[in-house]
N, C-alpha and C. Protein backbone atom coordinates (compact mmCIF):
# COMPACT_ATOMS: atom_id res chain seq x y z
N MET A 1 0.85 -1.16 0.00
CA MET A 1 0.00 0.00 0.00
C MET A 1 0.90 1.22 0.00
N THR A 2 0.77 2.03 -1.02
CA THR A 2 1.58 3.23 -1.11
C THR A 2 0.66 4.43 -0.96
N GLN A 3 0.88 5.21 0.04
CA GLN A 3 0.12 6.44 0.25
C GLN A 3 1.10 7.59 0.29
N ARG A 4 0.72 8.67 -0.29
CA ARG A 4 1.55 9.86 -0.25
C ARG A 4 1.28 10.59 1.05
N ILE A 5 2.31 10.73 1.86
CA ILE A 5 2.17 11.42 3.13
C ILE A 5 2.81 12.80 2.97
N VAL A 6 2.02 13.82 3.24
CA VAL A 6 2.52 15.18 3.09
C VAL A 6 2.13 15.98 4.31
N GLU A 7 2.83 17.05 4.51
CA GLU A 7 2.48 17.96 5.59
C GLU A 7 1.74 19.14 5.00
N ILE A 8 0.73 19.61 5.71
CA ILE A 8 -0.03 20.77 5.28
C ILE A 8 0.59 22.00 5.89
N GLU A 9 0.85 23.00 5.07
CA GLU A 9 1.46 24.25 5.54
C GLU A 9 0.44 25.02 6.39
N ILE A 10 0.85 25.47 7.54
CA ILE A 10 -0.04 26.21 8.44
C ILE A 10 0.47 27.64 8.59
N GLU A 11 -0.43 28.60 8.40
CA GLU A 11 -0.10 30.01 8.65
C GLU A 11 -0.46 30.32 10.09
N THR A 12 0.42 30.96 10.82
CA THR A 12 0.14 31.25 12.21
C THR A 12 -0.44 32.65 12.35
N GLU A 13 -1.65 32.70 12.75
CA GLU A 13 -2.39 33.91 13.11
C GLU A 13 -3.28 33.47 14.25
N GLU A 14 -4.35 34.22 14.51
CA GLU A 14 -5.28 33.78 15.54
C GLU A 14 -5.93 32.46 15.14
N GLN A 15 -6.36 32.37 13.90
CA GLN A 15 -6.96 31.14 13.37
C GLN A 15 -6.03 30.59 12.30
N PRO A 16 -5.35 29.46 12.54
CA PRO A 16 -4.43 28.93 11.54
C PRO A 16 -5.16 28.57 10.25
N VAL A 17 -4.52 28.82 9.12
CA VAL A 17 -5.08 28.50 7.82
C VAL A 17 -4.25 27.39 7.21
N ALA A 18 -4.88 26.27 6.96
CA ALA A 18 -4.18 25.15 6.33
C ALA A 18 -4.21 25.35 4.82
N ARG A 19 -3.13 24.96 4.17
CA ARG A 19 -3.03 25.06 2.71
C ARG A 19 -2.65 23.71 2.13
N CYS A 20 -3.17 23.44 0.96
CA CYS A 20 -2.82 22.22 0.23
C CYS A 20 -1.37 22.33 -0.22
N SER A 21 -0.58 21.33 0.08
CA SER A 21 0.82 21.37 -0.33
C SER A 21 0.98 21.04 -1.82
N ASN A 22 -0.07 20.54 -2.44
CA ASN A 22 -0.03 20.23 -3.86
C ASN A 22 -0.26 21.47 -4.72
N CYS A 23 -1.31 22.27 -4.39
CA CYS A 23 -1.65 23.42 -5.23
C CYS A 23 -1.63 24.75 -4.49
N GLY A 24 -1.50 24.71 -3.15
CA GLY A 24 -1.45 25.94 -2.37
C GLY A 24 -2.79 26.51 -1.97
N SER A 25 -3.87 25.88 -2.38
CA SER A 25 -5.21 26.38 -2.06
C SER A 25 -5.50 26.27 -0.57
N SER A 26 -6.25 27.22 -0.04
CA SER A 26 -6.69 27.14 1.35
C SER A 26 -8.12 26.61 1.43
N ASP A 27 -8.70 26.24 0.29
CA ASP A 27 -10.05 25.69 0.25
C ASP A 27 -9.99 24.18 0.49
N ILE A 28 -9.84 23.82 1.76
CA ILE A 28 -9.77 22.42 2.14
C ILE A 28 -10.87 22.12 3.13
N TYR A 29 -11.26 20.86 3.19
CA TYR A 29 -12.34 20.47 4.08
C TYR A 29 -12.12 19.04 4.58
N GLU A 30 -12.74 18.71 5.69
CA GLU A 30 -12.67 17.36 6.23
C GLU A 30 -13.76 16.53 5.58
N ALA A 31 -13.44 15.28 5.29
CA ALA A 31 -14.41 14.39 4.64
C ALA A 31 -14.08 12.95 4.97
N ARG A 32 -15.02 12.09 4.67
CA ARG A 32 -14.80 10.64 4.72
C ARG A 32 -14.67 10.20 3.26
N VAL A 33 -13.57 9.56 2.94
CA VAL A 33 -13.29 9.19 1.55
C VAL A 33 -13.14 7.68 1.44
N ARG A 34 -13.07 7.21 0.21
CA ARG A 34 -12.75 5.80 -0.02
C ARG A 34 -11.56 5.73 -0.95
N SER A 35 -10.81 4.66 -0.80
CA SER A 35 -9.62 4.48 -1.60
C SER A 35 -9.45 3.01 -1.93
N ALA A 36 -8.86 2.73 -3.08
CA ALA A 36 -8.63 1.35 -3.51
C ALA A 36 -7.15 1.02 -3.32
N PHE A 37 -6.89 -0.21 -2.92
CA PHE A 37 -5.53 -0.69 -2.68
C PHE A 37 -5.36 -2.07 -3.30
N TRP A 38 -4.19 -2.33 -3.80
CA TRP A 38 -3.85 -3.69 -4.24
C TRP A 38 -3.27 -4.43 -3.05
N HIS A 39 -3.78 -5.61 -2.80
CA HIS A 39 -3.25 -6.50 -1.77
C HIS A 39 -2.95 -7.83 -2.47
N GLY A 40 -1.69 -8.02 -2.83
CA GLY A 40 -1.34 -9.16 -3.67
C GLY A 40 -1.99 -8.96 -5.03
N ASP A 41 -2.78 -9.93 -5.46
CA ASP A 41 -3.47 -9.79 -6.74
C ASP A 41 -4.93 -9.38 -6.56
N ARG A 42 -5.31 -8.99 -5.35
CA ARG A 42 -6.67 -8.56 -5.05
C ARG A 42 -6.74 -7.04 -4.96
N LEU A 43 -7.79 -6.48 -5.52
CA LEU A 43 -8.07 -5.06 -5.37
C LEU A 43 -9.13 -4.93 -4.28
N VAL A 44 -8.82 -4.13 -3.26
CA VAL A 44 -9.78 -3.92 -2.17
C VAL A 44 -10.07 -2.43 -2.05
N VAL A 45 -11.27 -2.14 -1.55
CA VAL A 45 -11.69 -0.75 -1.36
C VAL A 45 -11.95 -0.55 0.12
N VAL A 46 -11.43 0.53 0.67
CA VAL A 46 -11.68 0.90 2.06
C VAL A 46 -12.49 2.19 2.04
N GLU A 47 -13.63 2.16 2.71
CA GLU A 47 -14.52 3.33 2.78
C GLU A 47 -14.40 4.01 4.13
N ASP A 48 -14.95 5.19 4.22
CA ASP A 48 -15.07 5.94 5.47
C ASP A 48 -13.74 6.34 6.09
N ILE A 49 -12.72 6.59 5.25
CA ILE A 49 -11.42 7.00 5.76
C ILE A 49 -11.47 8.50 6.04
N PRO A 50 -11.17 8.93 7.27
CA PRO A 50 -11.15 10.36 7.55
C PRO A 50 -9.97 11.02 6.82
N ALA A 51 -10.25 12.12 6.14
CA ALA A 51 -9.22 12.79 5.36
C ALA A 51 -9.49 14.28 5.31
N VAL A 52 -8.47 15.01 4.92
CA VAL A 52 -8.62 16.42 4.57
C VAL A 52 -8.47 16.45 3.05
N VAL A 53 -9.43 17.10 2.38
CA VAL A 53 -9.48 17.10 0.92
C VAL A 53 -9.40 18.53 0.40
N CYS A 54 -8.59 18.72 -0.63
CA CYS A 54 -8.48 20.03 -1.27
C CYS A 54 -9.64 20.21 -2.25
N GLU A 55 -10.39 21.27 -2.08
CA GLU A 55 -11.51 21.58 -2.98
C GLU A 55 -11.02 21.87 -4.39
N ASN A 56 -9.82 22.42 -4.52
CA ASN A 56 -9.30 22.84 -5.81
C ASN A 56 -8.75 21.67 -6.63
N CYS A 57 -7.82 20.89 -6.07
CA CYS A 57 -7.16 19.82 -6.84
C CYS A 57 -7.58 18.42 -6.41
N HIS A 58 -8.38 18.32 -5.34
CA HIS A 58 -8.94 17.05 -4.84
C HIS A 58 -7.89 16.13 -4.21
N GLU A 59 -6.71 16.67 -3.90
CA GLU A 59 -5.69 15.89 -3.19
C GLU A 59 -6.27 15.50 -1.82
N GLN A 60 -5.98 14.27 -1.38
CA GLN A 60 -6.46 13.79 -0.09
C GLN A 60 -5.27 13.61 0.85
N TYR A 61 -5.45 14.07 2.08
CA TYR A 61 -4.40 13.96 3.10
C TYR A 61 -4.95 13.16 4.27
N PHE A 62 -4.15 12.16 4.71
CA PHE A 62 -4.54 11.31 5.84
C PHE A 62 -3.63 11.61 7.02
N ASP A 63 -4.21 11.65 8.22
CA ASP A 63 -3.37 11.86 9.40
C ASP A 63 -2.76 10.53 9.84
N ASP A 64 -1.88 10.60 10.80
CA ASP A 64 -1.15 9.41 11.25
C ASP A 64 -2.07 8.30 11.72
N SER A 65 -3.14 8.64 12.45
CA SER A 65 -4.03 7.60 12.97
C SER A 65 -4.76 6.88 11.84
N ALA A 66 -5.11 7.59 10.78
CA ALA A 66 -5.76 6.93 9.63
C ALA A 66 -4.77 5.99 8.94
N ILE A 67 -3.54 6.42 8.81
CA ILE A 67 -2.51 5.57 8.19
C ILE A 67 -2.28 4.30 9.01
N VAL A 68 -2.29 4.43 10.34
CA VAL A 68 -2.10 3.27 11.21
C VAL A 68 -3.24 2.27 11.00
N VAL A 69 -4.48 2.76 10.95
CA VAL A 69 -5.62 1.86 10.76
C VAL A 69 -5.54 1.18 9.39
N LEU A 70 -5.16 1.92 8.35
CA LEU A 70 -5.00 1.32 7.02
C LEU A 70 -3.92 0.25 7.04
N ASP A 71 -2.82 0.51 7.74
CA ASP A 71 -1.76 -0.49 7.86
C ASP A 71 -2.23 -1.74 8.62
N LEU A 72 -3.06 -1.54 9.65
CA LEU A 72 -3.61 -2.69 10.39
C LEU A 72 -4.54 -3.51 9.50
N LEU A 73 -5.37 -2.85 8.71
CA LEU A 73 -6.24 -3.57 7.78
C LEU A 73 -5.41 -4.39 6.80
N ARG A 74 -4.36 -3.77 6.28
CA ARG A 74 -3.47 -4.47 5.34
C ARG A 74 -2.80 -5.65 6.04
N GLY A 75 -2.33 -5.43 7.27
CA GLY A 75 -1.69 -6.50 8.03
C GLY A 75 -2.62 -7.67 8.31
N ASP A 76 -3.91 -7.39 8.47
CA ASP A 76 -4.91 -8.45 8.66
C ASP A 76 -5.18 -9.20 7.37
N GLY A 77 -4.73 -8.67 6.24
CA GLY A 77 -4.93 -9.34 4.96
C GLY A 77 -6.27 -9.06 4.31
N PHE A 78 -6.98 -8.05 4.78
CA PHE A 78 -8.30 -7.72 4.25
C PHE A 78 -9.16 -8.99 4.11
N PRO A 79 -9.46 -9.67 5.24
CA PRO A 79 -10.21 -10.93 5.16
C PRO A 79 -11.60 -10.72 4.55
N GLU A 80 -11.95 -11.55 3.58
CA GLU A 80 -13.21 -11.41 2.86
C GLU A 80 -14.42 -11.47 3.79
N GLU A 81 -14.34 -12.27 4.85
CA GLU A 81 -15.50 -12.40 5.74
C GLU A 81 -15.78 -11.12 6.54
N LYS A 82 -14.82 -10.22 6.58
CA LYS A 82 -15.03 -8.95 7.29
C LYS A 82 -15.41 -7.80 6.36
N ALA A 83 -15.49 -8.09 5.06
CA ALA A 83 -15.86 -7.05 4.10
C ALA A 83 -17.31 -6.64 4.31
N ARG A 84 -17.57 -5.36 4.23
CA ARG A 84 -18.92 -4.84 4.37
C ARG A 84 -19.78 -5.24 3.18
N ARG A 85 -19.18 -5.23 1.99
CA ARG A 85 -19.87 -5.62 0.76
C ARG A 85 -18.83 -5.86 -0.32
N GLU A 86 -19.27 -6.28 -1.48
CA GLU A 86 -18.37 -6.51 -2.60
C GLU A 86 -18.83 -5.66 -3.78
N LEU A 87 -17.85 -5.25 -4.59
CA LEU A 87 -18.12 -4.51 -5.81
C LEU A 87 -17.70 -5.36 -7.00
N ARG A 88 -18.44 -5.26 -8.07
CA ARG A 88 -18.05 -5.93 -9.32
C ARG A 88 -17.34 -4.88 -10.16
N VAL A 89 -16.12 -5.19 -10.60
CA VAL A 89 -15.29 -4.21 -11.30
C VAL A 89 -14.90 -4.76 -12.67
N PRO A 90 -15.22 -4.02 -13.75
CA PRO A 90 -14.78 -4.46 -15.07
C PRO A 90 -13.27 -4.25 -15.22
N VAL A 91 -12.63 -5.11 -15.99
CA VAL A 91 -11.19 -5.02 -16.21
C VAL A 91 -10.94 -4.88 -17.71
N PHE A 92 -10.15 -3.87 -18.07
CA PHE A 92 -9.84 -3.60 -19.46
C PHE A 92 -8.35 -3.79 -19.70
N SER A 93 -7.98 -4.06 -20.94
CA SER A 93 -6.59 -4.22 -21.31
C SER A 93 -6.14 -3.06 -22.17
N PHE A 94 -5.11 -2.39 -21.74
CA PHE A 94 -4.50 -1.31 -22.52
C PHE A 94 -4.00 -1.87 -23.85
N SER A 95 -3.38 -3.04 -23.80
CA SER A 95 -2.83 -3.67 -25.01
C SER A 95 -3.91 -3.97 -26.02
N ASP A 96 -5.08 -4.43 -25.56
CA ASP A 96 -6.19 -4.71 -26.48
C ASP A 96 -6.62 -3.44 -27.21
N ARG A 97 -6.64 -2.34 -26.51
CA ARG A 97 -7.04 -1.07 -27.12
C ARG A 97 -6.05 -0.65 -28.19
N ILE A 98 -4.77 -0.80 -27.91
CA ILE A 98 -3.75 -0.42 -28.88
C ILE A 98 -3.83 -1.34 -30.09
N ALA A 99 -4.05 -2.63 -29.87
CA ALA A 99 -4.15 -3.58 -30.98
C ALA A 99 -5.34 -3.25 -31.87
N SER A 100 -6.47 -2.84 -31.27
CA SER A 100 -7.66 -2.54 -32.08
C SER A 100 -7.46 -1.25 -32.90
N GLN A 101 -6.64 -0.33 -32.43
CA GLN A 101 -6.36 0.89 -33.20
C GLN A 101 -5.51 0.57 -34.41
N GLY A 102 -4.64 -0.43 -34.30
CA GLY A 102 -3.80 -0.83 -35.42
C GLY A 102 -4.60 -1.51 -36.52
N ASP A 103 -5.78 -2.08 -36.17
CA ASP A 103 -6.62 -2.75 -37.15
C ASP A 103 -7.45 -1.76 -37.97
N ALA A 104 -7.54 -0.50 -37.52
CA ALA A 104 -8.43 0.46 -38.17
C ALA A 104 -7.92 0.94 -39.49
């Protein structure tokens, strides 16, 4: 599981203003997000992850406690019996698309 961990720049005044380190916007908000992770050859989705999200570029930032919980889920192996639900996901081949363009 690879997550980008970044620090949010804080301006010190009476009320600190957090800024997105990706685009510099101060239009950020707290949200519950979902993210997909590869675990071996399985794709799993984790919902309800607390995050700070940039309104401008949609970058998501997770705090240390969220990262720890994600690591614990990964360490447990994402057991299927504990999944809340399952999603059906179509799979496409990049190579097939390129091959079909060559036939045109």
